[in-house]
N, C-alpha and C. Protein backbone atom coordinates (compact mmCIF):
# COMPACT_ATOMS: atom_id res chain seq x y z
N MET A 1 8.58 17.14 64.88
CA MET A 1 7.41 16.67 65.57
C MET A 1 7.77 16.48 67.04
N ILE A 2 6.81 16.81 67.89
CA ILE A 2 6.95 16.63 69.33
C ILE A 2 5.70 15.90 69.82
N ILE A 3 5.88 14.88 70.63
CA ILE A 3 4.77 14.15 71.25
C ILE A 3 4.99 14.20 72.76
N ASP A 4 3.95 14.59 73.51
CA ASP A 4 4.11 14.65 74.96
C ASP A 4 2.75 14.69 75.62
N SER A 5 2.78 14.78 76.94
CA SER A 5 1.58 14.89 77.77
C SER A 5 1.36 16.35 78.13
N ILE A 6 0.11 16.73 78.30
CA ILE A 6 -0.22 18.12 78.61
C ILE A 6 0.47 18.60 79.88
N LYS A 7 0.77 17.71 80.82
CA LYS A 7 1.45 18.13 82.05
C LYS A 7 2.86 18.67 81.78
N ASN A 8 3.41 18.35 80.61
CA ASN A 8 4.75 18.83 80.25
C ASN A 8 4.72 19.97 79.24
N ALA A 9 3.55 20.53 78.98
CA ALA A 9 3.42 21.57 77.96
C ALA A 9 4.35 22.75 78.20
N HIS A 10 4.58 23.08 79.46
CA HIS A 10 5.44 24.24 79.78
C HIS A 10 6.86 24.10 79.20
N LEU A 11 7.29 22.90 78.92
CA LEU A 11 8.63 22.68 78.37
C LEU A 11 8.77 23.24 76.96
N TYR A 12 7.64 23.52 76.29
CA TYR A 12 7.66 23.92 74.89
C TYR A 12 7.28 25.38 74.66
N PHE A 13 7.05 26.14 75.73
CA PHE A 13 6.64 27.54 75.60
C PHE A 13 7.67 28.37 74.82
N ALA A 14 8.94 28.08 74.97
CA ALA A 14 9.99 28.89 74.35
C ALA A 14 10.14 28.65 72.85
N ILE A 15 9.53 27.62 72.32
CA ILE A 15 9.69 27.30 70.90
C ILE A 15 9.02 28.34 70.01
N HIS A 16 7.86 28.81 70.43
CA HIS A 16 7.09 29.78 69.64
C HIS A 16 6.35 30.69 70.62
N PRO A 17 6.27 31.99 70.32
CA PRO A 17 5.62 32.90 71.27
C PRO A 17 4.15 32.61 71.56
N LEU A 18 3.45 31.88 70.69
CA LEU A 18 2.03 31.60 70.91
C LEU A 18 1.76 30.21 71.50
N PHE A 19 2.80 29.39 71.68
CA PHE A 19 2.58 28.07 72.26
C PHE A 19 2.02 28.18 73.68
N GLU A 20 2.56 29.11 74.47
CA GLU A 20 2.09 29.26 75.84
C GLU A 20 0.60 29.61 75.86
N LYS A 21 0.18 30.51 74.98
CA LYS A 21 -1.23 30.90 74.93
C LYS A 21 -2.11 29.71 74.56
N ALA A 22 -1.67 28.90 73.61
CA ALA A 22 -2.44 27.72 73.20
C ALA A 22 -2.58 26.73 74.36
N PHE A 23 -1.48 26.43 75.02
CA PHE A 23 -1.53 25.47 76.12
C PHE A 23 -2.30 26.01 77.32
N GLU A 24 -2.18 27.30 77.59
CA GLU A 24 -2.98 27.90 78.67
C GLU A 24 -4.47 27.83 78.34
N HIS A 25 -4.80 27.97 77.07
CA HIS A 25 -6.21 27.87 76.66
C HIS A 25 -6.76 26.47 76.97
N ILE A 26 -5.96 25.45 76.72
CA ILE A 26 -6.38 24.09 77.07
C ILE A 26 -6.61 23.98 78.57
N ALA A 27 -5.68 24.50 79.35
CA ALA A 27 -5.77 24.41 80.82
C ALA A 27 -6.99 25.14 81.37
N GLN A 28 -7.42 26.20 80.69
CA GLN A 28 -8.54 27.01 81.18
C GLN A 28 -9.89 26.58 80.60
N THR A 29 -9.89 25.59 79.75
CA THR A 29 -11.11 25.16 79.08
C THR A 29 -11.74 23.97 79.82
N ASP A 30 -13.05 24.00 79.96
CA ASP A 30 -13.78 22.86 80.52
C ASP A 30 -13.91 21.82 79.41
N LEU A 31 -13.00 20.87 79.40
CA LEU A 31 -12.92 19.90 78.31
C LEU A 31 -14.13 18.98 78.25
N LYS A 32 -14.81 18.76 79.38
CA LYS A 32 -15.97 17.86 79.39
C LYS A 32 -17.16 18.46 78.66
N SER A 33 -17.27 19.78 78.67
CA SER A 33 -18.41 20.41 78.00
C SER A 33 -18.02 21.10 76.69
N LEU A 34 -16.83 20.82 76.21
CA LEU A 34 -16.31 21.42 74.98
C LEU A 34 -17.17 21.02 73.78
N GLU A 35 -17.63 22.01 73.03
CA GLU A 35 -18.46 21.75 71.86
C GLU A 35 -17.66 21.90 70.57
N VAL A 36 -18.12 21.23 69.52
CA VAL A 36 -17.49 21.32 68.21
C VAL A 36 -17.65 22.75 67.70
N THR A 37 -16.52 23.36 67.36
CA THR A 37 -16.53 24.76 66.92
C THR A 37 -15.18 25.13 66.31
N ARG A 38 -15.11 26.34 65.79
CA ARG A 38 -13.87 26.95 65.31
C ARG A 38 -13.87 28.39 65.79
N TYR A 39 -12.70 28.87 66.21
CA TYR A 39 -12.61 30.27 66.63
C TYR A 39 -11.16 30.73 66.62
N ASP A 40 -11.01 32.05 66.60
CA ASP A 40 -9.69 32.67 66.63
C ASP A 40 -9.35 33.07 68.07
N LEU A 41 -8.11 32.82 68.46
CA LEU A 41 -7.61 33.32 69.74
C LEU A 41 -6.75 34.57 69.53
N GLU A 42 -6.05 34.61 68.41
CA GLU A 42 -5.17 35.74 68.05
C GLU A 42 -5.28 35.99 66.55
N GLY A 43 -6.49 36.22 66.07
CA GLY A 43 -6.69 36.44 64.63
C GLY A 43 -6.15 35.29 63.81
N ASP A 44 -5.47 35.60 62.71
CA ASP A 44 -4.89 34.57 61.84
C ASP A 44 -3.67 33.89 62.45
N ASN A 45 -3.15 34.44 63.53
CA ASN A 45 -1.94 33.89 64.13
C ASN A 45 -2.18 32.66 65.00
N LEU A 46 -3.38 32.55 65.57
CA LEU A 46 -3.69 31.41 66.44
C LEU A 46 -5.19 31.12 66.36
N LYS A 47 -5.51 29.97 65.77
CA LYS A 47 -6.90 29.53 65.60
C LYS A 47 -7.09 28.20 66.30
N VAL A 48 -8.34 27.92 66.65
CA VAL A 48 -8.67 26.66 67.32
C VAL A 48 -9.80 25.97 66.56
N ILE A 49 -9.64 24.68 66.34
CA ILE A 49 -10.68 23.85 65.73
C ILE A 49 -10.96 22.72 66.72
N VAL A 50 -12.21 22.60 67.15
CA VAL A 50 -12.61 21.51 68.04
C VAL A 50 -13.45 20.54 67.22
N SER A 51 -13.08 19.27 67.22
CA SER A 51 -13.85 18.27 66.47
C SER A 51 -14.15 17.08 67.37
N ASN A 52 -15.20 16.37 67.01
CA ASN A 52 -15.59 15.14 67.70
C ASN A 52 -16.14 14.22 66.62
N LYS A 53 -15.29 13.33 66.13
CA LYS A 53 -15.66 12.49 64.99
C LYS A 53 -15.26 11.04 65.26
N VAL A 54 -15.89 10.14 64.54
CA VAL A 54 -15.51 8.73 64.57
C VAL A 54 -14.21 8.59 63.79
N GLY A 55 -13.25 7.88 64.36
CA GLY A 55 -11.97 7.66 63.70
C GLY A 55 -12.14 6.90 62.39
N MET A 56 -11.11 6.95 61.58
CA MET A 56 -11.14 6.26 60.28
C MET A 56 -10.04 5.22 60.20
N THR A 57 -10.06 4.46 59.14
CA THR A 57 -9.02 3.46 58.92
C THR A 57 -7.74 4.15 58.46
N LYS A 58 -6.64 3.42 58.53
CA LYS A 58 -5.37 3.96 58.03
C LYS A 58 -5.50 4.32 56.56
N ALA A 59 -6.12 3.45 55.78
CA ALA A 59 -6.26 3.71 54.34
C ALA A 59 -7.05 4.99 54.08
N GLU A 60 -8.13 5.21 54.83
CA GLU A 60 -8.92 6.44 54.66
C GLU A 60 -8.10 7.67 55.02
N SER A 61 -7.39 7.60 56.13
CA SER A 61 -6.61 8.74 56.58
C SER A 61 -5.48 9.07 55.60
N LEU A 62 -4.87 8.04 55.03
CA LEU A 62 -3.74 8.26 54.13
C LEU A 62 -4.14 8.96 52.83
N THR A 63 -5.44 9.02 52.54
CA THR A 63 -5.86 9.79 51.36
C THR A 63 -5.65 11.28 51.61
N LYS A 64 -5.45 11.66 52.87
CA LYS A 64 -5.19 13.06 53.23
C LYS A 64 -3.90 13.15 54.06
N PHE A 65 -2.83 12.56 53.53
CA PHE A 65 -1.51 12.60 54.15
C PHE A 65 -0.96 14.00 53.88
N GLU A 66 -0.98 14.86 54.90
CA GLU A 66 -0.87 16.30 54.68
C GLU A 66 0.25 16.97 55.45
N CYS A 67 0.60 18.16 54.97
CA CYS A 67 1.47 19.07 55.72
C CYS A 67 1.05 20.49 55.38
N HIS A 68 1.63 21.43 56.10
CA HIS A 68 1.25 22.84 55.96
C HIS A 68 2.50 23.70 55.82
N ASN A 69 2.39 24.79 55.09
CA ASN A 69 3.51 25.72 54.93
C ASN A 69 3.46 26.87 55.92
N LYS A 70 2.27 27.37 56.19
CA LYS A 70 2.12 28.59 56.98
C LYS A 70 1.86 28.35 58.46
N TYR A 71 1.36 27.17 58.81
CA TYR A 71 0.93 26.94 60.19
C TYR A 71 1.60 25.72 60.81
N ILE A 72 1.78 25.82 62.12
CA ILE A 72 2.20 24.71 62.97
C ILE A 72 0.91 24.20 63.62
N ASP A 73 0.74 22.91 63.71
CA ASP A 73 -0.42 22.31 64.39
C ASP A 73 -0.01 21.83 65.78
N ILE A 74 -0.81 22.20 66.77
CA ILE A 74 -0.77 21.49 68.05
C ILE A 74 -2.08 20.73 68.10
N GLN A 75 -2.02 19.41 68.09
CA GLN A 75 -3.22 18.58 68.12
C GLN A 75 -3.28 17.92 69.49
N PHE A 76 -4.34 18.27 70.23
CA PHE A 76 -4.51 17.79 71.61
C PHE A 76 -5.69 16.83 71.67
N CYS A 77 -5.44 15.63 72.19
CA CYS A 77 -6.49 14.61 72.31
C CYS A 77 -7.28 14.86 73.60
N VAL A 78 -8.56 15.20 73.44
CA VAL A 78 -9.44 15.44 74.58
C VAL A 78 -9.99 14.12 75.10
N SER A 79 -10.46 13.27 74.19
CA SER A 79 -10.96 11.94 74.59
C SER A 79 -10.84 10.98 73.43
N GLY A 80 -10.80 9.70 73.76
CA GLY A 80 -10.60 8.66 72.75
C GLY A 80 -9.12 8.38 72.57
N ASN A 81 -8.81 7.60 71.56
CA ASN A 81 -7.43 7.29 71.20
C ASN A 81 -7.28 7.54 69.71
N GLU A 82 -6.29 8.36 69.36
CA GLU A 82 -6.10 8.74 67.96
C GLU A 82 -4.71 8.31 67.50
N GLN A 83 -4.69 7.59 66.39
CA GLN A 83 -3.42 7.23 65.76
C GLN A 83 -3.13 8.20 64.63
N TYR A 84 -1.84 8.35 64.36
CA TYR A 84 -1.35 9.20 63.28
C TYR A 84 -0.30 8.44 62.49
N GLY A 85 -0.24 8.73 61.20
CA GLY A 85 0.90 8.34 60.39
C GLY A 85 1.80 9.56 60.28
N TRP A 86 3.10 9.34 60.17
CA TRP A 86 4.05 10.45 60.08
C TRP A 86 5.21 10.13 59.16
N LYS A 87 5.69 11.15 58.47
CA LYS A 87 6.89 11.05 57.65
C LYS A 87 7.49 12.44 57.53
N SER A 88 8.80 12.51 57.49
CA SER A 88 9.47 13.78 57.29
C SER A 88 9.19 14.29 55.88
N ARG A 89 8.85 15.54 55.77
CA ARG A 89 8.55 16.14 54.46
C ARG A 89 9.74 16.03 53.51
N GLU A 90 10.95 16.12 54.03
CA GLU A 90 12.12 16.09 53.16
C GLU A 90 12.31 14.73 52.48
N THR A 91 11.67 13.69 53.00
CA THR A 91 11.80 12.37 52.36
C THR A 91 10.58 12.01 51.52
N CYS A 92 9.56 12.87 51.50
CA CYS A 92 8.39 12.61 50.66
C CYS A 92 8.73 12.96 49.22
N THR A 93 8.21 12.15 48.31
CA THR A 93 8.57 12.33 46.90
C THR A 93 7.38 12.45 45.97
N SER A 94 6.17 12.18 46.46
CA SER A 94 5.03 12.08 45.57
C SER A 94 3.88 12.99 46.01
N GLU A 95 3.86 14.21 45.47
CA GLU A 95 2.76 15.12 45.77
C GLU A 95 1.49 14.64 45.08
N LYS A 96 0.40 14.67 45.82
CA LYS A 96 -0.89 14.25 45.27
C LYS A 96 -1.50 15.37 44.42
N LEU A 97 -1.45 16.59 44.93
CA LEU A 97 -1.97 17.78 44.26
C LEU A 97 -1.01 18.92 44.55
N PRO A 98 -1.07 19.98 43.75
CA PRO A 98 -0.25 21.15 44.07
C PRO A 98 -0.68 21.76 45.41
N TYR A 99 0.22 22.49 46.04
CA TYR A 99 -0.05 23.16 47.30
C TYR A 99 -1.25 24.10 47.15
N ASP A 100 -2.19 24.03 48.10
CA ASP A 100 -3.36 24.91 48.14
C ASP A 100 -3.07 26.00 49.17
N ALA A 101 -2.68 27.19 48.68
CA ALA A 101 -2.30 28.29 49.57
C ALA A 101 -3.47 28.79 50.40
N GLU A 102 -4.68 28.76 49.85
CA GLU A 102 -5.84 29.24 50.59
C GLU A 102 -6.13 28.36 51.81
N LYS A 103 -6.00 27.05 51.65
CA LYS A 103 -6.25 26.12 52.75
C LYS A 103 -4.98 25.74 53.50
N ASP A 104 -3.83 26.23 53.00
CA ASP A 104 -2.53 25.90 53.57
C ASP A 104 -2.37 24.40 53.75
N VAL A 105 -2.50 23.67 52.64
CA VAL A 105 -2.35 22.22 52.73
C VAL A 105 -1.70 21.67 51.45
N LEU A 106 -0.84 20.70 51.66
CA LEU A 106 -0.21 19.96 50.58
C LEU A 106 -0.36 18.49 50.92
N PHE A 107 -0.87 17.72 49.97
CA PHE A 107 -1.10 16.29 50.19
C PHE A 107 -0.04 15.47 49.45
N TYR A 108 0.35 14.36 50.06
CA TYR A 108 1.30 13.42 49.47
C TYR A 108 0.65 12.05 49.36
N THR A 109 1.16 11.23 48.44
CA THR A 109 0.71 9.84 48.31
C THR A 109 1.73 8.88 48.90
N ASP A 110 2.82 9.40 49.47
CA ASP A 110 3.83 8.56 50.12
C ASP A 110 3.20 7.79 51.28
N GLN A 111 3.91 6.79 51.74
CA GLN A 111 3.50 6.03 52.92
C GLN A 111 4.25 6.55 54.15
N PRO A 112 3.61 6.58 55.31
CA PRO A 112 4.29 7.04 56.53
C PRO A 112 5.47 6.14 56.88
N ASP A 113 6.44 6.74 57.54
CA ASP A 113 7.58 5.98 58.07
C ASP A 113 7.22 5.34 59.41
N MET A 114 6.22 5.92 60.09
CA MET A 114 5.83 5.39 61.40
C MET A 114 4.40 5.76 61.73
N PHE A 115 3.84 5.05 62.68
CA PHE A 115 2.52 5.35 63.24
C PHE A 115 2.70 5.48 64.75
N PHE A 116 1.92 6.34 65.37
CA PHE A 116 1.92 6.48 66.82
C PHE A 116 0.50 6.81 67.27
N GLU A 117 0.27 6.69 68.57
CA GLU A 117 -1.08 6.90 69.11
C GLU A 117 -1.05 7.88 70.28
N LEU A 118 -2.06 8.75 70.31
CA LEU A 118 -2.27 9.65 71.44
C LEU A 118 -3.50 9.19 72.21
N ALA A 119 -3.43 9.30 73.52
CA ALA A 119 -4.57 9.07 74.41
C ALA A 119 -4.99 10.43 74.97
N ALA A 120 -6.12 10.47 75.65
CA ALA A 120 -6.61 11.71 76.25
C ALA A 120 -5.52 12.34 77.11
N GLY A 121 -5.35 13.65 76.94
CA GLY A 121 -4.35 14.37 77.71
C GLY A 121 -2.99 14.47 77.05
N GLN A 122 -2.84 13.88 75.88
CA GLN A 122 -1.58 13.95 75.16
C GLN A 122 -1.73 14.86 73.94
N PHE A 123 -0.59 15.36 73.46
CA PHE A 123 -0.61 16.22 72.28
C PHE A 123 0.55 15.90 71.36
N VAL A 124 0.42 16.36 70.13
CA VAL A 124 1.50 16.29 69.16
C VAL A 124 1.62 17.67 68.52
N ILE A 125 2.85 18.08 68.25
CA ILE A 125 3.10 19.33 67.54
C ILE A 125 3.67 18.96 66.18
N PHE A 126 2.99 19.38 65.12
CA PHE A 126 3.46 19.16 63.76
C PHE A 126 3.95 20.49 63.19
N PHE A 127 5.19 20.51 62.75
CA PHE A 127 5.78 21.66 62.10
C PHE A 127 5.59 21.52 60.59
N PRO A 128 5.88 22.56 59.80
CA PRO A 128 5.74 22.42 58.35
C PRO A 128 6.59 21.30 57.74
N THR A 129 7.54 20.80 58.48
CA THR A 129 8.39 19.69 58.00
C THR A 129 7.79 18.32 58.27
N ASP A 130 6.61 18.28 58.91
CA ASP A 130 5.99 17.02 59.31
C ASP A 130 4.75 16.71 58.46
N VAL A 131 4.81 15.62 57.71
CA VAL A 131 3.65 15.16 56.95
C VAL A 131 2.91 14.18 57.84
N HIS A 132 1.60 14.36 57.97
CA HIS A 132 0.85 13.56 58.94
C HIS A 132 -0.51 13.13 58.41
N ALA A 133 -0.94 11.98 58.89
CA ALA A 133 -2.25 11.41 58.57
C ALA A 133 -2.98 11.22 59.89
N PRO A 134 -3.92 12.13 60.23
CA PRO A 134 -4.60 12.07 61.52
C PRO A 134 -5.88 11.26 61.51
N MET A 135 -6.51 11.21 62.67
CA MET A 135 -7.86 10.65 62.86
C MET A 135 -7.98 9.15 62.59
N ILE A 136 -6.92 8.41 62.80
CA ILE A 136 -6.98 6.96 62.65
C ILE A 136 -7.42 6.38 63.99
N GLY A 137 -8.46 5.58 63.98
CA GLY A 137 -8.88 4.97 65.23
C GLY A 137 -10.28 4.42 65.17
N ASP A 138 -10.66 3.73 66.24
CA ASP A 138 -12.00 3.19 66.40
C ASP A 138 -12.74 4.06 67.40
N GLY A 139 -14.00 4.27 67.16
CA GLY A 139 -14.80 5.05 68.10
C GLY A 139 -14.59 6.54 67.93
N GLU A 140 -15.21 7.30 68.84
CA GLU A 140 -15.17 8.76 68.77
C GLU A 140 -13.83 9.29 69.26
N ILE A 141 -13.36 10.30 68.55
CA ILE A 141 -12.13 11.00 68.91
C ILE A 141 -12.49 12.48 69.02
N LYS A 142 -12.31 13.01 70.21
CA LYS A 142 -12.56 14.44 70.42
C LYS A 142 -11.20 15.10 70.57
N LYS A 143 -10.99 16.19 69.83
CA LYS A 143 -9.68 16.82 69.83
C LYS A 143 -9.77 18.31 69.62
N MET A 144 -8.71 18.99 70.00
CA MET A 144 -8.53 20.41 69.73
C MET A 144 -7.30 20.53 68.85
N VAL A 145 -7.44 21.27 67.74
CA VAL A 145 -6.32 21.54 66.87
C VAL A 145 -6.05 23.03 66.90
N PHE A 146 -4.87 23.40 67.30
CA PHE A 146 -4.45 24.79 67.30
C PHE A 146 -3.61 25.03 66.06
N LYS A 147 -4.00 26.01 65.27
CA LYS A 147 -3.27 26.40 64.06
C LYS A 147 -2.49 27.67 64.42
N ILE A 148 -1.16 27.55 64.44
CA ILE A 148 -0.30 28.64 64.88
C ILE A 148 0.56 29.09 63.70
N LYS A 149 0.50 30.37 63.37
CA LYS A 149 1.27 30.90 62.24
C LYS A 149 2.75 30.64 62.51
N ALA A 150 3.39 29.96 61.56
CA ALA A 150 4.80 29.61 61.71
C ALA A 150 5.71 30.81 61.59
């Protein structure tokens, strides 16, 4: 997992060939007029999901304590404050359901080892080794989630 500010995004371009494209897309997007949508930037290799939802409680979010096998997430906070729960996948022991290959998601019933918060202009990168519980918070949270083929 990586947590940082968008001004430092260039530090992570070398990690994956599509990270630069994802971060450049954020820089070129008018974030104030961004609408809720989903679209492909590079077919199945790089997708974008824009959401604007009211945050949920920790208990609600933990019902979807998730990780992915095929995709890396870059989750960028456009506005609001979003908390996340996190735990290393290697220490999780209790799968909630079998892995869903079509949706690329595996849920756990474990408890996070830590919680952290993003403010507008910050991002987190979740690799397949990162189990996460997103969308914890009060009020509206607007975000962009980039799904990058691992």
